[in-house]
Protein backbone atom coordinates (compact mmCIF):
# COMPACT_ATOMS: atom_id res chain seq x y z
CA MET A 1 22.02 38.08 34.09
CA CYS A 2 20.75 35.42 31.25
CA HIS A 3 23.69 34.66 28.69
CA VAL A 4 22.39 32.92 25.69
CA ILE A 5 24.64 30.31 24.77
CA VAL A 6 24.58 28.61 20.97
CA THR A 7 26.96 26.03 20.32
CA CYS A 8 26.61 23.12 17.48
CA ARG A 9 26.65 20.48 19.85
CA SER A 10 23.81 21.85 22.12
CA MET A 11 21.62 22.76 18.96
CA LEU A 12 22.01 19.24 17.38
CA TRP A 13 21.02 17.86 20.85
CA THR A 14 18.00 20.24 20.84
CA LEU A 15 16.85 19.40 17.74
CA LEU A 16 17.53 15.81 18.11
CA SER A 17 14.91 15.77 21.16
CA ILE A 18 12.46 17.41 19.48
CA VAL A 19 12.59 15.31 16.80
CA VAL A 20 12.64 12.19 18.64
CA ALA A 21 9.41 13.05 20.86
CA PHE A 22 7.17 13.77 17.85
CA ALA A 23 8.51 10.69 15.83
CA GLU A 24 7.35 8.75 18.95
CA LEU A 25 4.04 10.59 18.89
CA ILE A 26 2.99 10.01 15.58
CA ALA A 27 4.17 6.31 15.90
CA PHE A 28 1.93 5.99 19.17
CA MET A 29 -1.13 7.66 17.41
CA SER A 30 -0.84 5.60 14.55
CA ALA A 31 -2.98 2.61 13.25
CA ASP A 32 -0.18 1.44 11.35
CA TRP A 33 1.81 -0.82 13.15
CA LEU A 34 0.47 -3.86 11.72
CA ILE A 35 -0.83 -4.46 7.82
CA GLY A 36 -2.87 -7.00 7.75
CA LYS A 37 -3.53 -9.64 5.24
CA ALA A 38 -5.35 -8.37 2.08
CA LYS A 39 -8.92 -8.50 2.08
CA PRO A 40 -10.65 -8.76 -1.11
CA SER A 41 -13.30 -6.72 -2.13
CA SER A 42 -16.61 -6.79 -2.27
CA SER A 43 -18.73 -6.79 -6.01
CA GLU A 44 -20.32 -3.69 -4.53
CA ASP A 45 -16.58 -1.78 -4.46
CA VAL A 46 -16.46 -0.93 -7.54
CA ASP A 47 -14.34 2.69 -8.60
CA ASN A 48 -16.90 5.36 -9.74
CA ARG A 49 -14.11 6.91 -11.97
CA THR A 50 -13.87 3.62 -14.02
CA GLY A 51 -16.70 1.01 -12.99
CA GLU A 52 -14.11 -1.30 -12.64
CA SER A 53 -13.98 -3.63 -9.13
CA GLN A 54 -11.35 -2.30 -6.84
CA GLU A 55 -7.82 -4.76 -6.25
CA PRO A 56 -7.35 -6.46 -2.45
CA TYR A 57 -6.58 -4.22 0.04
CA HIS A 58 -4.55 -4.02 3.33
CA PRO A 59 -6.57 -3.15 6.68
CA THR A 60 -3.62 -1.92 9.29
CA LEU A 61 -3.80 -2.07 12.90
CA GLY A 62 -2.28 -0.16 15.60
CA ILE A 63 -2.44 -0.37 19.50
CA TYR A 64 -5.65 1.33 19.85
CA GLY A 65 -6.72 2.65 16.51
CA ARG A 66 -7.34 0.69 12.92
CA CYS A 67 -7.96 1.37 9.18
CA THR A 68 -9.76 -0.81 6.75
CA ARG A 69 -12.69 -0.04 4.27
CA ILE A 70 -16.35 -0.24 5.35
CA SER A 71 -18.61 -2.78 3.03
CA HIS A 72 -21.40 -1.71 0.91
CA MET A 73 -19.54 1.39 0.61
CA GLN A 74 -17.60 2.72 -2.84
CA LEU A 75 -14.46 3.84 -1.40
CA SER A 76 -11.14 4.06 -3.38
CA ARG A 77 -8.07 2.60 -1.54
CA ARG A 78 -6.96 6.28 -0.20
CA ASP A 79 -9.95 6.72 1.17
CA MET A 80 -9.69 3.94 3.56
CA LEU A 81 -11.60 4.97 7.30
CA CYS A 82 -9.23 5.26 10.16
CA GLY A 83 -10.09 5.58 13.57
CA PRO A 84 -9.87 4.27 17.28
CA TYR A 85 -11.39 0.41 17.86
CA ALA A 86 -10.86 1.02 21.50
CA GLU A 87 -13.43 4.01 23.00
CA ASN A 88 -11.75 3.27 26.24
CA PHE A 89 -7.94 2.14 27.46
CA ASN A 90 -9.89 -1.30 28.80
CA GLU A 91 -11.35 -1.89 25.08
CA ILE A 92 -7.59 -2.45 23.75
CA ALA A 93 -7.39 -5.55 21.93
CA SER A 94 -4.77 -7.17 24.46
CA GLY A 95 -3.39 -7.32 27.87
CA PHE A 96 0.13 -6.60 26.67
CA TRP A 97 -1.25 -3.46 24.11
CA GLN A 98 -2.38 -1.99 27.24
CA ALA A 99 0.93 -2.64 29.08
CA THR A 100 2.47 -0.75 25.70
CA ALA A 101 0.27 1.65 25.76
CA ILE A 102 1.25 2.91 29.44
CA PHE A 103 5.00 2.71 28.91
CA LEU A 104 5.03 4.08 25.67
CA ALA A 105 2.67 6.97 26.94
CA VAL A 106 5.26 7.39 29.89
CA GLY A 107 7.95 7.49 28.13
CA ILE A 108 6.38 9.48 25.15
CA MET A 109 5.34 12.26 28.32
CA ILE A 110 8.80 12.26 29.32
CA LEU A 111 10.12 12.67 25.92
CA CYS A 112 8.00 15.79 24.91
CA ALA A 113 8.67 17.64 28.74
CA VAL A 114 12.53 17.11 27.67
CA ALA A 115 11.79 18.71 24.33
CA PHE A 116 10.05 21.40 25.69
CA VAL A 117 12.81 22.22 28.23
CA SER A 118 15.77 21.59 25.73
CA VAL A 119 14.45 25.14 23.67
CA PHE A 120 15.08 27.20 26.62
CA THR A 121 18.97 26.08 27.42
CA MET A 122 19.72 28.39 25.38
CA CYS A 123 19.15 31.08 27.98
CA VAL A 124 19.42 28.54 30.97
CA GLN A 125 21.89 26.33 31.67
CA SER A 126 21.25 25.05 34.90
CA ILE A 127 19.12 24.37 37.72
CA MET A 128 19.48 24.08 41.79
CA LYS A 129 23.24 23.93 40.45
CA LYS A 130 23.29 20.87 38.41
CA SER A 131 23.18 20.37 34.48
CA ILE A 132 20.10 20.94 32.89
CA PHE A 133 21.69 19.20 30.12
CA ASN A 134 22.66 16.32 32.27
CA VAL A 135 18.85 16.06 34.08
CA CYS A 136 17.73 15.84 30.43
CA GLY A 137 20.40 13.33 29.58
CA LEU A 138 19.50 11.57 32.33
CA LEU A 139 15.19 11.38 31.78
CA GLN A 140 15.86 10.84 28.42
CA GLY A 141 17.37 7.51 29.14
CA ILE A 142 14.81 6.70 31.57
CA ALA A 143 12.12 7.51 28.53
CA GLY A 144 13.99 4.68 26.66
CA LEU A 145 13.57 2.27 28.73
CA PHE A 146 10.09 2.75 28.95
CA LEU A 147 10.01 3.02 25.09
CA ILE A 148 11.96 -0.60 25.23
CA LEU A 149 9.71 -2.10 27.72
CA GLY A 150 6.39 -1.30 25.49
CA LEU A 151 8.20 -2.37 22.00
CA ILE A 152 9.15 -6.06 23.78
CA LEU A 153 5.70 -6.61 25.13
CA TYR A 154 3.65 -5.17 21.76
CA PRO A 155 4.87 -8.35 20.01
CA ALA A 156 3.24 -10.68 23.23
CA GLY A 157 -0.26 -9.03 22.07
CA TRP A 158 0.11 -10.40 18.75
CA GLY A 159 -2.30 -13.81 19.37
CA CYS A 160 -5.40 -11.91 20.82
CA GLN A 161 -8.50 -12.10 18.97
CA LYS A 162 -8.40 -8.51 17.51
CA ALA A 163 -4.80 -9.69 15.54
CA VAL A 164 -5.61 -13.03 14.53
CA SER A 165 -8.96 -11.10 12.89
CA TYR A 166 -6.56 -9.38 11.25
CA CYS A 167 -3.28 -11.50 10.88
CA GLY A 168 -4.99 -14.73 9.53
CA PRO A 169 -4.85 -18.32 12.48
CA TYR A 170 -1.19 -18.80 12.53
CA ALA A 171 -0.89 -15.59 14.60
CA SER A 172 0.14 -15.41 17.95
CA ALA A 173 2.35 -14.25 20.48
CA TYR A 174 5.48 -13.09 18.73
CA LYS A 175 4.48 -14.58 15.73
CA LEU A 176 3.12 -12.27 12.92
CA GLY A 177 1.13 -14.82 10.92
CA ASP A 178 -0.01 -13.35 7.47
CA CYS A 179 0.31 -9.77 9.17
CA SER A 180 4.03 -7.49 8.11
CA LEU A 181 4.97 -4.78 10.73
CA GLY A 182 4.10 -0.96 9.40
CA TRP A 183 6.45 1.74 9.49
CA ALA A 184 4.75 3.30 12.68
CA PHE A 185 6.67 0.21 14.43
CA TYR A 186 9.55 0.66 12.81
CA THR A 187 9.28 4.43 13.92
CA ALA A 188 9.27 3.49 16.96
CA ILE A 189 12.42 1.66 17.50
CA GLY A 190 14.32 4.16 15.77
CA GLY A 191 12.76 6.78 17.99
CA THR A 192 13.87 4.55 21.01
CA ILE A 193 17.33 4.38 19.19
CA LEU A 194 17.70 7.76 18.39
CA THR A 195 16.52 8.45 22.07
CA PHE A 196 19.68 6.99 23.91
CA ILE A 197 21.81 8.75 21.40
CA CYS A 198 20.34 11.97 22.83
CA ALA A 199 20.61 10.71 26.39
CA VAL A 200 24.50 10.10 25.48
CA PHE A 201 24.92 13.39 23.18
CA SER A 202 23.32 15.81 26.15
CA ALA A 203 26.89 15.46 27.83
CA GLN A 204 28.42 16.97 25.02
CA ALA A 205 26.19 19.54 24.81
CA GLU A 206 26.57 20.54 28.40
CA ILE A 207 30.58 20.09 27.69
CA ALA A 208 30.15 22.47 24.94
CA THR A 209 27.89 25.58 26.57
CA SER A 210 30.01 24.87 29.98
CA SER A 211 33.82 25.53 27.89
CA ASP A 212 36.54 27.91 28.59
CA LYS A 213 35.30 29.79 25.30
CA VAL A 214 32.35 30.52 26.81
CA GLN A 215 33.02 31.20 30.18
CA GLU A 216 35.67 34.01 28.35
CA GLU A 217 33.39 35.71 26.11
CA ILE A 218 30.93 35.84 29.82
CA GLU A 219 33.81 37.32 31.94
CA GLU A 220 34.07 39.72 28.30
CA GLY A 221 30.65 40.83 29.28
CA LYS A 222 28.69 39.23 25.85
CA ASN A 223 25.64 38.10 26.60
CA LEU A 224 24.92 36.39 23.33
CA ILE A 225 27.50 33.45 22.57
CA CYS A 226 27.21 31.76 19.63
CA LEU A 227 30.24 28.90 19.09
CA LEU A 228 31.10 26.63 16.64
């Protein structure tokens, strides 16, 4: 018989697992990993509403995507063109970034799988006599290791030709040159930290759903158990 068990700690772990998976996925897909040095607008980049030349803009560069303004087009700053610069995996600008993409992708896939499974932990608390919370916590720890490896390798690719074109000639491995880090990189770091927090907190979720109070309510014949 399926017992629906909902506790504050298990629900918090589930919500954090979902948030972490989405945060890492959005960061990975974003082009805002590096913010390039300011690019001057050409004489043809004129705002149609005011007739004035636009201010210099900052192109952005991601692991496989970029945002930039196309010359000879009258585009406002908010209409910058974004999309992948690499049509396939081999066209990613650096071998280090290719490795980063692999490690991040594996970590994110694990996190997404855990987030999906976490929704069903209200009904299923064990699988093959093993706590599903402990299994998911172990997977989150493994995913966190993949994410760390990806984030460590990413700065090693700052010396590639693509990065130099955005960050200037002084850019090199682990040196930003004229670039600055964008929100996507910080989001990936924050998501990695939260991944390990989730892995540790999964043990608390398991304790909460297997407490004596829960067992008492199961013995009383209750199918829906909600505890603070």
